[in-house]
Amino acid sequence: MTRKRRRLYIVVMAMAVFGAATALVLAALDENLDHFRSPSQLISEPPAPDRGIRLGGLVEEGSIERSDDGLSVTFRVTDLSESVSVSYVGILPDLFREGQGVVTTGSLRSDGTFAAREVLAKHDENYMPREVVDALKASGQWRHGEEIPQ
């Protein structure tokens, strides 16, 4: 075997190993990536049951129901067009309340309820997550500088 052919084999093998490593990294990233959805998007295009999703919107007025154990809570997240029921077990952020922006991370159950692993609430009266603002703008409900209608 000549030096030229040996070098060619080494280069081809290195490229194959690099390609396989890249494919494995991309597959791992895709499995662990949580896609953002608004309630309207979640209802119109339901994801696979095991797919991680970030659901964002406003906590619907009058929808918060706490259980007797103090940790389980259900509430509805809305983009003012559609709403999705969310169940969560854990301690909610101090700023979590009705009518405020929220982003939840979890997955959609087969019964249409969103099972949240994490709940994030806004941090002051002027802030709303960018994804929530974009979803409200897409639904035609966002008015910059005005209070959002309830």
C-alpha atoms as a PDB file:
ATOM      1  CA  MET A   1       0.000   0.000   0.000  1.00  0.00           C
ATOM      2  CA  THR A   2       1.397   3.371  -0.975  1.00  0.00           C
ATOM      3  CA  ARG A   3       1.650   6.379   1.307  1.00  0.00           C
ATOM      4  CA  LYS A   4      -0.911   8.248  -0.777  1.00  0.00           C
ATOM      5  CA  ARG A   5      -3.518   5.471  -0.459  1.00  0.00           C
ATOM      6  CA  ARG A   6      -2.841   5.078   3.293  1.00  0.00           C
ATOM      7  CA  ARG A   7      -3.306   8.829   3.789  1.00  0.00           C
ATOM      8  CA  LEU A   8      -6.570   8.688   1.814  1.00  0.00           C
ATOM      9  CA  TYR A   9      -7.877   5.858   4.040  1.00  0.00           C
ATOM     10  CA  ILE A  10      -6.963   7.804   7.179  1.00  0.00           C
ATOM     11  CA  VAL A  11      -8.719  10.933   5.928  1.00  0.00           C
ATOM     12  CA  VAL A  12     -11.845   8.971   4.915  1.00  0.00           C
ATOM     13  CA  MET A  13     -11.971   7.199   8.304  1.00  0.00           C
ATOM     14  CA  ALA A  14     -11.497  10.484  10.172  1.00  0.00           C
ATOM     15  CA  MET A  15     -14.340  12.075   8.210  1.00  0.00           C
ATOM     16  CA  ALA A  16     -16.605   9.065   8.925  1.00  0.00           C
ATOM     17  CA  VAL A  17     -15.863   9.239  12.659  1.00  0.00           C
ATOM     18  CA  PHE A  18     -16.436  13.011  12.682  1.00  0.00           C
ATOM     19  CA  GLY A  19     -19.736  12.582  10.797  1.00  0.00           C
ATOM     20  CA  ALA A  20     -20.940   9.902  13.207  1.00  0.00           C
ATOM     21  CA  ALA A  21     -20.022  12.030  16.232  1.00  0.00           C
ATOM     22  CA  THR A  22     -21.861  15.022  14.749  1.00  0.00           C
ATOM     23  CA  ALA A  23     -24.972  12.902  14.092  1.00  0.00           C
ATOM     24  CA  LEU A  24     -24.959  11.618  17.700  1.00  0.00           C
ATOM     25  CA  VAL A  25     -24.620  15.133  19.132  1.00  0.00           C
ATOM     26  CA  LEU A  26     -27.452  16.479  16.966  1.00  0.00           C
ATOM     27  CA  ALA A  27     -29.722  13.558  17.903  1.00  0.00           C
ATOM     28  CA  ALA A  28     -29.033  14.117  21.603  1.00  0.00           C
ATOM     29  CA  LEU A  29     -29.730  17.848  21.302  1.00  0.00           C
ATOM     30  CA  ASP A  30     -33.002  17.253  19.486  1.00  0.00           C
ATOM     31  CA  GLU A  31     -34.224  14.855  22.174  1.00  0.00           C
ATOM     32  CA  ASN A  32     -33.426  17.300  24.990  1.00  0.00           C
ATOM     33  CA  LEU A  33     -34.692  20.449  23.307  1.00  0.00           C
ATOM     34  CA  ASP A  34     -37.943  21.922  24.614  1.00  0.00           C
ATOM     35  CA  HIS A  35     -39.924  23.683  21.880  1.00  0.00           C
ATOM     36  CA  PHE A  36     -41.954  26.776  22.856  1.00  0.00           C
ATOM     37  CA  ARG A  37     -45.676  26.681  22.086  1.00  0.00           C
ATOM     38  CA  SER A  38     -48.595  28.956  22.839  1.00  0.00           C
ATOM     39  CA  PRO A  39     -51.918  27.349  23.814  1.00  0.00           C
ATOM     40  CA  SER A  40     -53.285  27.920  20.280  1.00  0.00           C
ATOM     41  CA  GLN A  41     -50.260  26.213  18.727  1.00  0.00           C
ATOM     42  CA  LEU A  42     -50.424  23.352  21.225  1.00  0.00           C
ATOM     43  CA  ILE A  43     -54.099  22.688  20.440  1.00  0.00           C
ATOM     44  CA  SER A  44     -53.748  23.014  16.656  1.00  0.00           C
ATOM     45  CA  GLU A  45     -50.540  20.946  16.410  1.00  0.00           C
ATOM     46  CA  PRO A  46     -50.283  18.556  19.383  1.00  0.00           C
ATOM     47  CA  PRO A  47     -46.752  17.208  19.901  1.00  0.00           C
ATOM     48  CA  ALA A  48     -45.773  13.615  20.622  1.00  0.00           C
ATOM     49  CA  PRO A  49     -46.655  12.660  24.217  1.00  0.00           C
ATOM     50  CA  ASP A  50     -43.015  12.263  25.262  1.00  0.00           C
ATOM     51  CA  ARG A  51     -41.851  15.498  23.606  1.00  0.00           C
ATOM     52  CA  GLY A  52     -40.637  18.271  25.931  1.00  0.00           C
ATOM     53  CA  ILE A  53     -42.552  21.513  25.460  1.00  0.00           C
ATOM     54  CA  ARG A  54     -42.392  25.002  26.929  1.00  0.00           C
ATOM     55  CA  LEU A  55     -45.942  26.340  27.176  1.00  0.00           C
ATOM     56  CA  GLY A  56     -46.297  30.075  27.635  1.00  0.00           C
ATOM     57  CA  GLY A  57     -49.119  32.524  28.073  1.00  0.00           C
ATOM     58  CA  LEU A  58     -51.154  34.184  30.778  1.00  0.00           C
ATOM     59  CA  VAL A  59     -52.603  32.450  33.830  1.00  0.00           C
ATOM     60  CA  GLU A  60     -56.354  32.522  33.196  1.00  0.00           C
ATOM     61  CA  GLU A  61     -58.424  34.454  35.746  1.00  0.00           C
ATOM     62  CA  GLY A  62     -60.279  32.191  38.185  1.00  0.00           C
ATOM     63  CA  SER A  63     -58.569  29.009  37.002  1.00  0.00           C
ATOM     64  CA  ILE A  64     -56.161  28.267  39.860  1.00  0.00           C
ATOM     65  CA  GLU A  65     -57.200  25.260  41.957  1.00  0.00           C
ATOM     66  CA  ARG A  66     -54.951  24.126  44.807  1.00  0.00           C
ATOM     67  CA  SER A  67     -55.218  20.691  46.392  1.00  0.00           C
ATOM     68  CA  ASP A  68     -55.327  19.976  50.127  1.00  0.00           C
ATOM     69  CA  ASP A  69     -51.715  18.752  50.188  1.00  0.00           C
ATOM     70  CA  GLY A  70     -50.503  22.272  49.364  1.00  0.00           C
ATOM     71  CA  LEU A  71     -48.220  21.140  46.541  1.00  0.00           C
ATOM     72  CA  SER A  72     -50.549  20.051  43.729  1.00  0.00           C
ATOM     73  CA  VAL A  73     -52.112  22.803  41.670  1.00  0.00           C
ATOM     74  CA  THR A  74     -54.038  23.009  38.412  1.00  0.00           C
ATOM     75  CA  PHE A  75     -54.555  26.164  36.384  1.00  0.00           C
ATOM     76  CA  ARG A  76     -55.196  27.226  32.820  1.00  0.00           C
ATOM     77  CA  VAL A  77     -52.728  29.024  30.554  1.00  0.00           C
ATOM     78  CA  THR A  78     -54.233  31.178  27.814  1.00  0.00           C
ATOM     79  CA  ASP A  79     -53.063  33.272  24.885  1.00  0.00           C
ATOM     80  CA  LEU A  80     -56.491  34.958  24.919  1.00  0.00           C
ATOM     81  CA  SER A  81     -57.607  32.775  21.983  1.00  0.00           C
ATOM     82  CA  GLU A  82     -57.251  29.262  23.423  1.00  0.00           C
ATOM     83  CA  SER A  83     -56.414  27.882  26.839  1.00  0.00           C
ATOM     84  CA  VAL A  84     -54.758  24.702  28.108  1.00  0.00           C
ATOM     85  CA  SER A  85     -55.174  23.061  31.503  1.00  0.00           C
ATOM     86  CA  VAL A  86     -51.872  22.642  33.382  1.00  0.00           C
ATOM     87  CA  SER A  87     -51.176  20.395  36.362  1.00  0.00           C
ATOM     88  CA  TYR A  88     -48.117  20.952  38.538  1.00  0.00           C
ATOM     89  CA  VAL A  89     -46.791  19.374  41.712  1.00  0.00           C
ATOM     90  CA  GLY A  90     -44.328  21.527  43.595  1.00  0.00           C
ATOM     91  CA  ILE A  91     -43.819  24.971  45.018  1.00  0.00           C
ATOM     92  CA  LEU A  92     -44.954  27.769  42.727  1.00  0.00           C
ATOM     93  CA  PRO A  93     -42.886  30.948  42.305  1.00  0.00           C
ATOM     94  CA  ASP A  94     -43.819  33.800  44.656  1.00  0.00           C
ATOM     95  CA  LEU A  95     -44.894  36.000  41.730  1.00  0.00           C
ATOM     96  CA  PHE A  96     -47.255  33.377  40.259  1.00  0.00           C
ATOM     97  CA  ARG A  97     -50.831  34.705  40.129  1.00  0.00           C
ATOM     98  CA  GLU A  98     -53.834  35.064  37.842  1.00  0.00           C
ATOM     99  CA  GLY A  99     -53.507  37.335  34.824  1.00  0.00           C
ATOM    100  CA  GLN A 100     -49.694  37.228  34.824  1.00  0.00           C
ATOM    101  CA  GLY A 101     -47.291  35.846  32.241  1.00  0.00           C
ATOM    102  CA  VAL A 102     -45.990  32.345  32.840  1.00  0.00           C
ATOM    103  CA  VAL A 103     -43.817  29.794  31.048  1.00  0.00           C
ATOM    104  CA  THR A 104     -44.165  26.129  32.013  1.00  0.00           C
ATOM    105  CA  THR A 105     -41.903  23.278  30.973  1.00  0.00           C
ATOM    106  CA  GLY A 106     -43.307  19.767  30.647  1.00  0.00           C
ATOM    107  CA  SER A 107     -45.225  17.521  28.285  1.00  0.00           C
ATOM    108  CA  LEU A 108     -48.746  17.075  26.973  1.00  0.00           C
ATOM    109  CA  ARG A 109     -50.673  14.108  28.376  1.00  0.00           C
ATOM    110  CA  SER A 110     -52.979  11.991  26.249  1.00  0.00           C
ATOM    111  CA  ASP A 111     -56.027  13.575  27.973  1.00  0.00           C
ATOM    112  CA  GLY A 112     -54.978  17.060  26.763  1.00  0.00           C
ATOM    113  CA  THR A 113     -53.671  18.249  30.144  1.00  0.00           C
ATOM    114  CA  PHE A 114     -50.199  19.730  30.224  1.00  0.00           C
ATOM    115  CA  ALA A 115     -48.050  18.102  32.946  1.00  0.00           C
ATOM    116  CA  ALA A 116     -45.589  20.764  34.085  1.00  0.00           C
ATOM    117  CA  ARG A 117     -42.179  19.936  35.564  1.00  0.00           C
ATOM    118  CA  GLU A 118     -41.281  23.597  36.086  1.00  0.00           C
ATOM    119  CA  VAL A 119     -43.233  26.853  36.325  1.00  0.00           C
ATOM    120  CA  LEU A 120     -41.567  30.209  35.715  1.00  0.00           C
ATOM    121  CA  ALA A 121     -43.318  33.484  36.491  1.00  0.00           C
ATOM    122  CA  LYS A 122     -42.517  37.043  35.486  1.00  0.00           C
ATOM    123  CA  HIS A 123     -40.187  39.002  37.760  1.00  0.00           C
ATOM    124  CA  ASP A 124     -41.694  42.514  37.792  1.00  0.00           C
ATOM    125  CA  GLU A 125     -44.729  44.400  36.557  1.00  0.00           C
ATOM    126  CA  ASN A 126     -43.119  45.350  33.226  1.00  0.00           C
ATOM    127  CA  TYR A 127     -41.610  42.026  32.202  1.00  0.00           C
ATOM    128  CA  MET A 128     -43.236  39.264  30.194  1.00  0.00           C
ATOM    129  CA  PRO A 129     -41.267  36.455  28.536  1.00  0.00           C
ATOM    130  CA  ARG A 130     -40.443  37.213  24.898  1.00  0.00           C
ATOM    131  CA  GLU A 131     -42.102  33.986  23.734  1.00  0.00           C
ATOM    132  CA  VAL A 132     -45.357  34.922  25.493  1.00  0.00           C
ATOM    133  CA  VAL A 133     -45.336  38.399  23.922  1.00  0.00           C
ATOM    134  CA  ASP A 134     -44.706  36.838  20.488  1.00  0.00           C
ATOM    135  CA  ALA A 135     -47.574  34.372  20.989  1.00  0.00           C
ATOM    136  CA  LEU A 136     -49.936  37.158  22.053  1.00  0.00           C
ATOM    137  CA  LYS A 137     -48.868  39.251  19.061  1.00  0.00           C
ATOM    138  CA  ALA A 138     -49.473  36.285  16.736  1.00  0.00           C
ATOM    139  CA  SER A 139     -52.982  35.867  18.134  1.00  0.00           C
ATOM    140  CA  GLY A 140     -53.672  39.602  17.641  1.00  0.00           C
ATOM    141  CA  GLN A 141     -54.255  40.210  21.350  1.00  0.00           C
ATOM    142  CA  TRP A 142     -51.092  42.151  22.280  1.00  0.00           C
ATOM    143  CA  ARG A 143     -51.178  45.934  22.586  1.00  0.00           C
ATOM    144  CA  HIS A 144     -47.794  47.395  23.518  1.00  0.00           C
ATOM    145  CA  GLY A 145     -48.043  49.930  26.318  1.00  0.00           C
ATOM    146  CA  GLU A 146     -51.622  48.986  27.157  1.00  0.00           C
ATOM    147  CA  GLU A 147     -52.915  46.573  29.712  1.00  0.00           C
ATOM    148  CA  ILE A 148     -53.807  43.205  28.248  1.00  0.00           C
ATOM    149  CA  PRO A 149     -57.589  42.639  28.254  1.00  0.00           C
ATOM    150  CA  GLN A 150     -58.797  39.906  30.573  1.00  0.00           C
END
